[in-house]
C-alpha atoms as a PDB file:
ATOM      1  CA  MET A   1      -3.549 -28.995 -48.904  1.00  0.00           C
ATOM      2  CA  GLY A   2      -0.551 -26.645 -48.229  1.00  0.00           C
ATOM      3  CA  ARG A   3      -2.496 -23.426 -47.594  1.00  0.00           C
ATOM      4  CA  PRO A   4      -4.175 -24.468 -44.193  1.00  0.00           C
ATOM      5  CA  LEU A   5      -0.699 -25.467 -42.980  1.00  0.00           C
ATOM      6  CA  LEU A   6       0.583 -22.153 -43.867  1.00  0.00           C
ATOM      7  CA  SER A   7      -2.321 -20.389 -42.208  1.00  0.00           C
ATOM      8  CA  ALA A   8      -1.738 -22.477 -38.961  1.00  0.00           C
ATOM      9  CA  ALA A   9       1.921 -21.440 -39.023  1.00  0.00           C
ATOM     10  CA  LEU A  10       1.183 -17.809 -39.655  1.00  0.00           C
ATOM     11  CA  LEU A  11      -1.496 -17.991 -36.741  1.00  0.00           C
ATOM     12  CA  SER A  12       1.179 -19.539 -34.362  1.00  0.00           C
ATOM     13  CA  LEU A  13       3.589 -16.883 -35.259  1.00  0.00           C
ATOM     14  CA  LEU A  14       1.061 -14.212 -34.582  1.00  0.00           C
ATOM     15  CA  LEU A  15       0.139 -15.788 -31.313  1.00  0.00           C
ATOM     16  CA  LEU A  16       3.805 -15.834 -30.231  1.00  0.00           C
ATOM     17  CA  THR A  17       4.331 -12.317 -31.112  1.00  0.00           C
ATOM     18  CA  PHE A  18       1.316 -11.198 -29.186  1.00  0.00           C
ATOM     19  CA  SER A  19       2.344 -13.112 -26.346  1.00  0.00           C
ATOM     20  CA  LEU A  20       5.923 -11.719 -26.156  1.00  0.00           C
ATOM     21  CA  PHE A  21       4.433  -8.137 -26.644  1.00  0.00           C
ATOM     22  CA  SER A  22       1.977  -8.616 -23.804  1.00  0.00           C
ATOM     23  CA  GLU A  23       4.889  -9.918 -21.642  1.00  0.00           C
ATOM     24  CA  VAL A  24       6.748  -6.638 -22.285  1.00  0.00           C
ATOM     25  CA  GLU A  25       3.789  -4.369 -21.916  1.00  0.00           C
ATOM     26  CA  THR A  26       2.704  -5.653 -18.341  1.00  0.00           C
ATOM     27  CA  THR A  27       3.850  -5.090 -14.747  1.00  0.00           C
ATOM     28  CA  THR A  28       3.729  -7.895 -12.357  1.00  0.00           C
ATOM     29  CA  PHE A  29       2.785  -7.252  -8.594  1.00  0.00           C
ATOM     30  CA  LYS A  30       3.847 -10.137  -6.151  1.00  0.00           C
ATOM     31  CA  LEU A  31       1.811  -9.832  -3.129  1.00  0.00           C
ATOM     32  CA  VAL A  32       3.410 -11.706  -0.164  1.00  0.00           C
ATOM     33  CA  ASN A  33       1.903 -12.278   3.299  1.00  0.00           C
ATOM     34  CA  ARG A  34       4.360 -12.307   6.141  1.00  0.00           C
ATOM     35  CA  CYS A  35       1.578 -11.740   8.548  1.00  0.00           C
ATOM     36  CA  ARG A  36       0.671 -14.418  11.145  1.00  0.00           C
ATOM     37  CA  ARG A  37      -2.820 -14.781   9.857  1.00  0.00           C
ATOM     38  CA  THR A  38      -4.655 -14.920   6.731  1.00  0.00           C
ATOM     39  CA  ILE A  39      -5.240 -11.500   5.019  1.00  0.00           C
ATOM     40  CA  TRP A  40      -7.621 -10.469   2.093  1.00  0.00           C
ATOM     41  CA  PRO A  41      -5.921  -8.112  -0.371  1.00  0.00           C
ATOM     42  CA  GLY A  42      -8.150  -5.677  -1.926  1.00  0.00           C
ATOM     43  CA  ILE A  43      -7.590  -4.006  -5.410  1.00  0.00           C
ATOM     44  CA  LEU A  44      -9.128  -0.783  -6.698  1.00  0.00           C
ATOM     45  CA  THR A  45      -8.331   0.440 -10.192  1.00  0.00           C
ATOM     46  CA  GLY A  46      -8.488   4.189 -11.076  1.00  0.00           C
ATOM     47  CA  ALA A  47     -11.020   5.898 -13.216  1.00  0.00           C
ATOM     48  CA  ASP A  48     -10.726   5.156 -16.911  1.00  0.00           C
ATOM     49  CA  ARG A  49      -7.949   2.525 -16.490  1.00  0.00           C
ATOM     50  CA  PRO A  50      -7.975  -1.012 -17.427  1.00  0.00           C
ATOM     51  CA  VAL A  51      -9.249  -3.101 -14.346  1.00  0.00           C
ATOM     52  CA  LEU A  52      -6.826  -5.458 -12.626  1.00  0.00           C
ATOM     53  CA  ASN A  53      -8.466  -8.638 -11.613  1.00  0.00           C
ATOM     54  CA  PRO A  54      -9.202 -10.291  -9.034  1.00  0.00           C
ATOM     55  CA  THR A  55     -10.358  -7.276  -7.063  1.00  0.00           C
ATOM     56  CA  GLY A  56     -10.021  -9.301  -3.865  1.00  0.00           C
ATOM     57  CA  PHE A  57      -8.810 -12.699  -2.649  1.00  0.00           C
ATOM     58  CA  ALA A  58      -7.623 -14.631   0.447  1.00  0.00           C
ATOM     59  CA  LEU A  59      -3.866 -14.784   1.097  1.00  0.00           C
ATOM     60  CA  LYS A  60      -2.732 -17.259   3.699  1.00  0.00           C
ATOM     61  CA  SER A  61       0.134 -16.645   6.012  1.00  0.00           C
ATOM     62  CA  GLY A  62       3.524 -17.358   4.376  1.00  0.00           C
ATOM     63  CA  SER A  63       2.007 -17.522   0.791  1.00  0.00           C
ATOM     64  CA  SER A  64       2.117 -15.123  -2.215  1.00  0.00           C
ATOM     65  CA  ARG A  65       0.327 -14.509  -5.414  1.00  0.00           C
ATOM     66  CA  THR A  66       1.556 -12.777  -8.463  1.00  0.00           C
ATOM     67  CA  LEU A  67      -0.771 -10.446 -10.634  1.00  0.00           C
ATOM     68  CA  ARG A  68      -0.122  -9.148 -14.017  1.00  0.00           C
ATOM     69  CA  ALA A  69      -1.176  -5.318 -14.567  1.00  0.00           C
ATOM     70  CA  PRO A  70      -1.322  -3.529 -17.831  1.00  0.00           C
ATOM     71  CA  ARG A  71       1.421  -0.973 -18.233  1.00  0.00           C
ATOM     72  CA  SER A  72      -1.025   1.914 -17.974  1.00  0.00           C
ATOM     73  CA  TRP A  73      -2.699   0.720 -14.728  1.00  0.00           C
ATOM     74  CA  SER A  74      -3.312   3.101 -11.816  1.00  0.00           C
ATOM     75  CA  GLY A  75      -4.825   2.048  -8.517  1.00  0.00           C
ATOM     76  CA  ARG A  76      -4.526   1.011  -4.857  1.00  0.00           C
ATOM     77  CA  VAL A  77      -3.690  -2.260  -3.254  1.00  0.00           C
ATOM     78  CA  TRP A  78      -4.339  -2.892   0.565  1.00  0.00           C
ATOM     79  CA  ALA A  79      -4.942  -5.744   2.877  1.00  0.00           C
ATOM     80  CA  ARG A  80      -8.167  -6.492   4.757  1.00  0.00           C
ATOM     81  CA  THR A  81      -7.900  -8.190   8.162  1.00  0.00           C
ATOM     82  CA  HIS A  82      -9.973 -10.247  10.589  1.00  0.00           C
ATOM     83  CA  CYS A  83     -12.404 -11.170   7.994  1.00  0.00           C
ATOM     84  CA  ALA A  84     -15.360 -13.675   8.068  1.00  0.00           C
ATOM     85  CA  THR A  85     -18.529 -14.792   6.467  1.00  0.00           C
ATOM     86  CA  ASP A  86     -21.797 -14.603   8.525  1.00  0.00           C
ATOM     87  CA  SER A  87     -24.754 -16.907   8.631  1.00  0.00           C
ATOM     88  CA  THR A  88     -26.406 -14.997   5.750  1.00  0.00           C
ATOM     89  CA  GLY A  89     -23.317 -15.478   3.500  1.00  0.00           C
ATOM     90  CA  LYS A  90     -22.206 -11.836   3.806  1.00  0.00           C
ATOM     91  CA  PHE A  91     -18.432 -11.253   3.901  1.00  0.00           C
ATOM     92  CA  SER A  92     -17.083  -8.554   6.092  1.00  0.00           C
ATOM     93  CA  CYS A  93     -13.762  -7.388   7.578  1.00  0.00           C
ATOM     94  CA  ALA A  94     -12.954  -5.570  10.873  1.00  0.00           C
ATOM     95  CA  THR A  95     -10.301  -3.484   9.004  1.00  0.00           C
ATOM     96  CA  ALA A  96     -10.143  -1.855   5.491  1.00  0.00           C
ATOM     97  CA  ASP A  97     -13.268  -3.635   4.400  1.00  0.00           C
ATOM     98  CA  CYS A  98     -14.610  -2.725   0.899  1.00  0.00           C
ATOM     99  CA  ALA A  99     -18.192  -3.307   1.968  1.00  0.00           C
ATOM    100  CA  SER A 100     -19.026  -5.395  -1.033  1.00  0.00           C
ATOM    101  CA  GLY A 101     -20.251  -8.266   0.895  1.00  0.00           C
ATOM    102  CA  ARG A 102     -17.965 -10.587  -1.056  1.00  0.00           C
ATOM    103  CA  VAL A 103     -14.377 -11.484  -1.109  1.00  0.00           C
ATOM    104  CA  GLU A 104     -14.083  -9.483  -4.470  1.00  0.00           C
ATOM    105  CA  CYS A 105     -14.350  -5.714  -3.800  1.00  0.00           C
ATOM    106  CA  GLY A 106     -15.808  -5.277  -7.384  1.00  0.00           C
ATOM    107  CA  GLY A 107     -14.779  -1.610  -7.748  1.00  0.00           C
ATOM    108  CA  ALA A 108     -15.181  -0.494  -4.166  1.00  0.00           C
ATOM    109  CA  GLY A 109     -12.247   0.996  -2.199  1.00  0.00           C
ATOM    110  CA  ALA A 110     -11.094   0.423   1.333  1.00  0.00           C
ATOM    111  CA  ILE A 111     -13.081   1.850   4.144  1.00  0.00           C
ATOM    112  CA  PRO A 112     -10.474   3.780   6.339  1.00  0.00           C
ATOM    113  CA  PRO A 113      -8.263   3.203   8.204  1.00  0.00           C
ATOM    114  CA  ALA A 114      -6.094   1.329   5.738  1.00  0.00           C
ATOM    115  CA  THR A 115      -2.569   1.314   4.823  1.00  0.00           C
ATOM    116  CA  LEU A 116      -2.474   1.725   0.969  1.00  0.00           C
ATOM    117  CA  ALA A 117       0.009   0.923  -1.679  1.00  0.00           C
ATOM    118  CA  GLU A 118      -0.619   3.486  -4.595  1.00  0.00           C
ATOM    119  CA  PHE A 119       0.594   3.073  -8.137  1.00  0.00           C
ATOM    120  CA  THR A 120       0.443   5.051 -11.408  1.00  0.00           C
ATOM    121  CA  LEU A 121       2.288   2.991 -14.039  1.00  0.00           C
ATOM    122  CA  ASN A 122       3.782   4.425 -17.133  1.00  0.00           C
ATOM    123  CA  GLY A 123       2.804   7.927 -16.209  1.00  0.00           C
ATOM    124  CA  ASP A 124       4.789  11.345 -16.939  1.00  0.00           C
ATOM    125  CA  GLN A 125       7.821  10.539 -19.047  1.00  0.00           C
ATOM    126  CA  GLY A 126       7.119   6.806 -18.894  1.00  0.00           C
ATOM    127  CA  LEU A 127       7.735   6.476 -15.289  1.00  0.00           C
ATOM    128  CA  ASP A 128       5.897   4.572 -12.530  1.00  0.00           C
ATOM    129  CA  PHE A 129       4.928   6.561  -9.666  1.00  0.00           C
ATOM    130  CA  TYR A 130       4.258   4.757  -6.297  1.00  0.00           C
ATOM    131  CA  ASP A 131       3.946   5.218  -2.476  1.00  0.00           C
ATOM    132  CA  VAL A 132       2.650   3.844   0.699  1.00  0.00           C
ATOM    133  CA  SER A 133       0.076   6.104   2.078  1.00  0.00           C
ATOM    134  CA  LEU A 134      -1.094   6.486   5.646  1.00  0.00           C
ATOM    135  CA  VAL A 135      -3.340   9.430   4.786  1.00  0.00           C
ATOM    136  CA  ASP A 136      -6.381   7.196   5.372  1.00  0.00           C
ATOM    137  CA  GLY A 137      -4.965   5.820   8.533  1.00  0.00           C
ATOM    138  CA  TYR A 138      -2.990   2.438   9.039  1.00  0.00           C
ATOM    139  CA  ASN A 139      -3.964  -1.216   9.600  1.00  0.00           C
ATOM    140  CA  ILE A 140      -0.948  -3.192   9.007  1.00  0.00           C
ATOM    141  CA  PRO A 141       2.799  -2.665   7.922  1.00  0.00           C
ATOM    142  CA  MET A 142       3.610  -2.867   4.315  1.00  0.00           C
ATOM    143  CA  LEU A 143       6.585  -2.566   1.944  1.00  0.00           C
ATOM    144  CA  ILE A 144       7.080  -2.055  -1.635  1.00  0.00           C
ATOM    145  CA  ILE A 145      10.185  -3.276  -3.291  1.00  0.00           C
ATOM    146  CA  PRO A 146      10.678  -2.300  -7.047  1.00  0.00           C
ATOM    147  CA  ASN A 147      12.597  -4.819  -9.222  1.00  0.00           C
ATOM    148  CA  PRO A 148      13.744  -2.661 -12.131  1.00  0.00           C
ATOM    149  CA  LYS A 149      14.268  -4.273 -15.463  1.00  0.00           C
ATOM    150  CA  GLY A 150      16.941  -1.850 -16.432  1.00  0.00           C
ATOM    151  CA  GLY A 151      14.822   0.964 -14.857  1.00  0.00           C
ATOM    152  CA  THR A 152      16.108   4.187 -13.399  1.00  0.00           C
ATOM    153  CA  THR A 153      14.813   6.845 -10.902  1.00  0.00           C
ATOM    154  CA  THR A 154      14.743  10.469 -11.039  1.00  0.00           C
ATOM    155  CA  GLY A 155      15.760  12.911  -8.308  1.00  0.00           C
ATOM    156  CA  SER A 156      18.460  12.148  -5.632  1.00  0.00           C
ATOM    157  CA  SER A 157      18.206   8.287  -5.846  1.00  0.00           C
ATOM    158  CA  SER A 158      20.462   6.275  -8.042  1.00  0.00           C
ATOM    159  CA  ARG A 159      18.052   3.485  -8.453  1.00  0.00           C
ATOM    160  CA  CYS A 160      14.403   2.538  -7.837  1.00  0.00           C
ATOM    161  CA  THR A 161      13.958   2.795  -4.039  1.00  0.00           C
ATOM    162  CA  SER A 162      11.681   0.719  -1.664  1.00  0.00           C
ATOM    163  CA  THR A 163       9.190   2.462   0.559  1.00  0.00           C
ATOM    164  CA  GLY A 164       6.731   1.533   3.151  1.00  0.00           C
ATOM    165  CA  CYS A 165       5.733   1.508   6.734  1.00  0.00           C
ATOM    166  CA  LEU A 166       7.654  -1.375   8.685  1.00  0.00           C
ATOM    167  CA  VAL A 167       6.637  -0.529  12.057  1.00  0.00           C
ATOM    168  CA  ASP A 168       3.345  -1.839  13.881  1.00  0.00           C
ATOM    169  CA  LEU A 169       1.681   1.384  14.810  1.00  0.00           C
ATOM    170  CA  ASN A 170      -1.485  -0.040  16.341  1.00  0.00           C
ATOM    171  CA  GLY A 171      -0.139  -0.820  19.748  1.00  0.00           C
ATOM    172  CA  ALA A 172       0.886   2.831  20.507  1.00  0.00           C
ATOM    173  CA  CYS A 173      -1.833   4.323  18.354  1.00  0.00           C
ATOM    174  CA  PRO A 174      -3.135   7.751  20.093  1.00  0.00           C
ATOM    175  CA  ARG A 175      -6.250   7.034  22.062  1.00  0.00           C
ATOM    176  CA  GLY A 176      -8.468   9.221  20.050  1.00  0.00           C
ATOM    177  CA  LEU A 177      -7.353   7.309  16.880  1.00  0.00           C
ATOM    178  CA  ALA A 178      -7.480   3.647  17.985  1.00  0.00           C
ATOM    179  CA  VAL A 179      -9.775   1.114  16.475  1.00  0.00           C
ATOM    180  CA  ALA A 180     -10.458  -1.722  18.701  1.00  0.00           C
ATOM    181  CA  ARG A 181     -12.173  -5.140  18.436  1.00  0.00           C
ATOM    182  CA  GLY A 182     -12.915  -8.121  20.591  1.00  0.00           C
ATOM    183  CA  SER A 183     -14.381  -8.336  24.246  1.00  0.00           C
ATOM    184  CA  GLY A 184     -13.928  -5.061  25.915  1.00  0.00           C
ATOM    185  CA  GLY A 185     -12.099  -3.541  22.832  1.00  0.00           C
ATOM    186  CA  ARG A 186      -8.789  -4.757  24.184  1.00  0.00           C
ATOM    187  CA  GLU A 187      -7.190  -5.603  20.619  1.00  0.00           C
ATOM    188  CA  ILE A 188      -6.247  -2.426  18.739  1.00  0.00           C
ATOM    189  CA  VAL A 189      -6.481  -3.461  15.090  1.00  0.00           C
ATOM    190  CA  ALA A 190      -6.060  -0.169  13.204  1.00  0.00           C
ATOM    191  CA  CYS A 191      -5.206   3.508  13.603  1.00  0.00           C
ATOM    192  CA  ARG A 192      -7.347   6.273  12.139  1.00  0.00           C
ATOM    193  CA  SER A 193      -6.194   9.480  10.624  1.00  0.00           C
ATOM    194  CA  ALA A 194      -6.951  12.578  12.443  1.00  0.00           C
ATOM    195  CA  CYS A 195      -9.246  13.764   9.581  1.00  0.00           C
ATOM    196  CA  GLU A 196     -11.503  10.546   9.782  1.00  0.00           C
ATOM    197  CA  ALA A 197     -11.339  10.846  13.643  1.00  0.00           C
ATOM    198  CA  PHE A 198     -12.252  14.441  14.146  1.00  0.00           C
ATOM    199  CA  GLY A 199     -13.422  15.811  10.753  1.00  0.00           C
ATOM    200  CA  ASP A 200     -11.375  19.055  11.272  1.00  0.00           C
ATOM    201  CA  PRO A 201     -10.616  20.847   7.917  1.00  0.00           C
ATOM    202  CA  ALA A 202      -7.157  21.601   9.265  1.00  0.00           C
ATOM    203  CA  PHE A 203      -6.528  17.718   9.561  1.00  0.00           C
ATOM    204  CA  CYS A 204      -8.359  16.916   6.217  1.00  0.00           C
ATOM    205  CA  CYS A 205      -6.651  19.793   4.109  1.00  0.00           C
ATOM    206  CA  SER A 206      -9.967  20.987   3.032  1.00  0.00           C
ATOM    207  CA  GLU A 207     -11.956  24.301   2.918  1.00  0.00           C
ATOM    208  CA  ALA A 208      -9.610  27.028   3.956  1.00  0.00           C
ATOM    209  CA  TYR A 209      -6.817  24.509   4.340  1.00  0.00           C
ATOM    210  CA  ASN A 210      -6.789  23.158   0.990  1.00  0.00           C
ATOM    211  CA  THR A 211      -3.233  24.302  -0.124  1.00  0.00           C
ATOM    212  CA  PRO A 212       0.329  23.174   0.762  1.00  0.00           C
ATOM    213  CA  GLU A 213       0.684  26.584   2.348  1.00  0.00           C
ATOM    214  CA  THR A 214      -2.453  26.433   4.614  1.00  0.00           C
ATOM    215  CA  CYS A 215      -2.314  22.650   5.525  1.00  0.00           C
ATOM    216  CA  ARG A 216       0.630  21.739   7.554  1.00  0.00           C
ATOM    217  CA  PRO A 217       1.570  18.453   9.339  1.00  0.00           C
ATOM    218  CA  SER A 218      -0.309  17.830  12.583  1.00  0.00           C
ATOM    219  CA  ALA A 219       0.905  16.104  15.773  1.00  0.00           C
ATOM    220  CA  TYR A 220      -1.047  13.116  14.518  1.00  0.00           C
ATOM    221  CA  SER A 221       0.511  13.036  11.106  1.00  0.00           C
ATOM    222  CA  LEU A 222       3.862  13.417  12.505  1.00  0.00           C
ATOM    223  CA  TYR A 223       3.384  10.347  14.667  1.00  0.00           C
ATOM    224  CA  PHE A 224       3.048   8.400  11.515  1.00  0.00           C
ATOM    225  CA  LYS A 225       5.846  10.265   9.795  1.00  0.00           C
ATOM    226  CA  SER A 226       8.152   9.830  12.651  1.00  0.00           C
ATOM    227  CA  ALA A 227       7.884   6.098  12.713  1.00  0.00           C
ATOM    228  CA  CYS A 228       7.594   5.576   8.844  1.00  0.00           C
ATOM    229  CA  PRO A 229       9.682   8.420   7.223  1.00  0.00           C
ATOM    230  CA  ARG A 230       9.115   7.427   3.567  1.00  0.00           C
ATOM    231  CA  SER A 231       5.226   6.927   3.898  1.00  0.00           C
ATOM    232  CA  TYR A 232       2.601   9.491   3.086  1.00  0.00           C
ATOM    233  CA  SER A 233       1.447  11.065   6.255  1.00  0.00           C
ATOM    234  CA  TYR A 234      -0.904  13.758   5.208  1.00  0.00           C
ATOM    235  CA  ALA A 235      -2.227  15.154   1.926  1.00  0.00           C
ATOM    236  CA  TYR A 236       0.768  17.426   0.904  1.00  0.00           C
ATOM    237  CA  ASP A 237       3.417  14.968   1.971  1.00  0.00           C
ATOM    238  CA  ASP A 238       4.500  14.471  -1.735  1.00  0.00           C
ATOM    239  CA  LYS A 239       8.252  15.457  -1.713  1.00  0.00           C
ATOM    240  CA  THR A 240       9.406  12.753   0.519  1.00  0.00           C
ATOM    241  CA  SER A 241       6.844  10.141  -0.211  1.00  0.00           C
ATOM    242  CA  THR A 242       6.404   9.596  -3.855  1.00  0.00           C
ATOM    243  CA  PHE A 243       8.860   7.434  -5.652  1.00  0.00           C
ATOM    244  CA  THR A 244       9.485   6.702  -9.291  1.00  0.00           C
ATOM    245  CA  CYS A 245      10.824   3.900 -11.322  1.00  0.00           C
ATOM    246  CA  ALA A 246      10.900   2.876 -14.969  1.00  0.00           C
ATOM    247  CA  GLY A 247      10.348  -0.653 -16.464  1.00  0.00           C
ATOM    248  CA  ALA A 248       9.982  -2.409 -13.082  1.00  0.00           C
ATOM    249  CA  ASP A 249       7.982  -5.255 -11.413  1.00  0.00           C
ATOM    250  CA  TYR A 250       6.997  -4.874  -7.824  1.00  0.00           C
ATOM    251  CA  ILE A 251       6.877  -6.715  -4.616  1.00  0.00           C
ATOM    252  CA  ILE A 252       4.399  -5.718  -1.968  1.00  0.00           C
ATOM    253  CA  ILE A 253       4.958  -7.457   1.264  1.00  0.00           C
ATOM    254  CA  PHE A 254       2.391  -7.310   4.124  1.00  0.00           C
ATOM    255  CA  CYS A 255       3.817  -7.417   7.615  1.00  0.00           C
ATOM    256  CA  PRO A 256       7.495  -7.354   6.711  1.00  0.00           C
ATOM    257  CA  LEU A 257       9.992  -8.287   9.318  1.00  0.00           C
ATOM    258  CA  PRO A 258      11.670  -4.838   9.885  1.00  0.00           C
ATOM    259  CA  TYR A 259      15.240  -5.874  10.579  1.00  0.00           C
ATOM    260  CA  THR A 260      15.288  -8.657   7.978  1.00  0.00           C
ATOM    261  CA  SER A 261      13.863  -6.371   5.429  1.00  0.00           C
ATOM    262  CA  MET A 262      16.413  -3.649   6.148  1.00  0.00           C
ATOM    263  CA  LYS A 263      19.245  -6.148   5.954  1.00  0.00           C
ATOM    264  CA  PHE A 264      17.945  -7.218   2.450  1.00  0.00           C
ATOM    265  CA  LEU A 265      17.588  -3.735   1.260  1.00  0.00           C
ATOM    266  CA  GLU A 266      21.014  -2.844   2.358  1.00  0.00           C
ATOM    267  CA  THR A 267      22.346  -5.278  -0.261  1.00  0.00           C
ATOM    268  CA  ARG A 268      20.582  -3.331  -2.933  1.00  0.00           C
ATOM    269  CA  LYS A 269      22.375  -0.170  -2.012  1.00  0.00           C
ATOM    270  CA  GLU A 270      19.394   1.983  -2.383  1.00  0.00           C
ATOM    271  CA  THR A 271      19.622   5.766  -1.642  1.00  0.00           C
ATOM    272  CA  ALA A 272      16.942   8.112  -0.489  1.00  0.00           C
ATOM    273  CA  ASP A 273      16.627  11.329   1.323  1.00  0.00           C
ATOM    274  CA  LEU A 274      14.898   9.673   4.340  1.00  0.00           C
ATOM    275  CA  PRO A 275      15.347   6.313   6.051  1.00  0.00           C
ATOM    276  CA  LEU A 276      12.866   3.617   5.516  1.00  0.00           C
ATOM    277  CA  VAL A 277      12.217   3.313   9.256  1.00  0.00           C
ATOM    278  CA  ASN A 278      12.956   5.238  12.367  1.00  0.00           C
ATOM    279  CA  LYS A 279      14.850   2.642  14.373  1.00  0.00           C
ATOM    280  CA  THR A 280      14.125   4.340  17.621  1.00  0.00           C
ATOM    281  CA  MET A 281      10.356   3.629  17.192  1.00  0.00           C
ATOM    282  CA  MET A 282      10.862   0.115  15.944  1.00  0.00           C
ATOM    283  CA  TYR A 283       9.014  -1.380  18.889  1.00  0.00           C
ATOM    284  CA  VAL A 284       6.817   1.712  19.647  1.00  0.00           C
ATOM    285  CA  GLY A 285       3.834  -0.513  20.014  1.00  0.00           C
ATOM    286  CA  ARG A 286       5.467  -1.795  23.351  1.00  0.00           C
ATOM    287  CA  HIS A 287       5.183   1.661  24.869  1.00  0.00           C
ATOM    288  CA  ARG A 288       1.494   2.568  24.453  1.00  0.00           C
ATOM    289  CA  SER A 289       1.037   4.127  27.898  1.00  0.00           C
ATOM    290  CA  LEU A 290       3.885   6.636  27.264  1.00  0.00           C
ATOM    291  CA  LEU A 291       2.421   7.821  23.856  1.00  0.00           C
ATOM    292  CA  SER A 292      -1.188   7.749  24.850  1.00  0.00           C
ATOM    293  CA  SER A 293      -0.441   9.949  27.721  1.00  0.00           C
ATOM    294  CA  SER A 294       1.142  12.593  25.577  1.00  0.00           C
ATOM    295  CA  PRO A 295      -1.044  15.758  25.675  1.00  0.00           C
ATOM    296  CA  GLY A 296      -0.236  16.564  22.114  1.00  0.00           C
ATOM    297  CA  LEU A 297      -1.800  13.327  20.836  1.00  0.00           C
ATOM    298  CA  ASN A 298      -5.022  13.267  22.932  1.00  0.00           C
ATOM    299  CA  PRO A 299      -7.526  16.081  22.482  1.00  0.00           C
END
């Protein structure tokens, strides 16, 4: 009669050990919606990596959801906006849609333009690599805050550094890049990249422009970079836009409040080569007429 009891005890011990091991070997992503409306986060896992589920879900204004990713995970996180289900049951979104026809993206990525949070966990030297990318355009503000568990960074930073784009770029989006919806197209809901808008290899860093030496920032990518200095603005913007951390969990905030976020981050005493936001462009969306009339931004 004693042997089954011993087996049960061993089984419980093994389950507890596995649970603790899993806890150590995972990274959490807390997704927070500070937007005024519901958003639909989408998640795409990189090739040959363990899939992070769910691949899409609704997130109401003011709410959050925590996901647990394997330590070797790599992929993208973004927010879809202005989504609805039509009479046939097909789900679609005005921005960053993944065209799956459902709330879950099921392995499909965001259709540009989309603000992207990109991660490679437990990469070179055991470090996490992360960035907020505007290379595929922009649809909403986003902030990544790493919470190190004894983690460190490399380079000039003394600790894991937050990154993102806190500025609403849609209101002042150059006319040739703006994506509009609604009656008469009066509501600007996203801002395309110059590559997507015009298809010029010089903007796409392709063909004869596929090296860091031949592909340089354009007036369009500099618009993004000027407002959001730590964000990826074009394909070879690595040096000022990719950050590292070890042993961290991450908070991803959609539509963060700029001043509130900066005040909070000041308490963390973070250091970086570039500021998180260009304060002179904090309310750039209110000055659309000035920016859209700039000859350098309207071909």
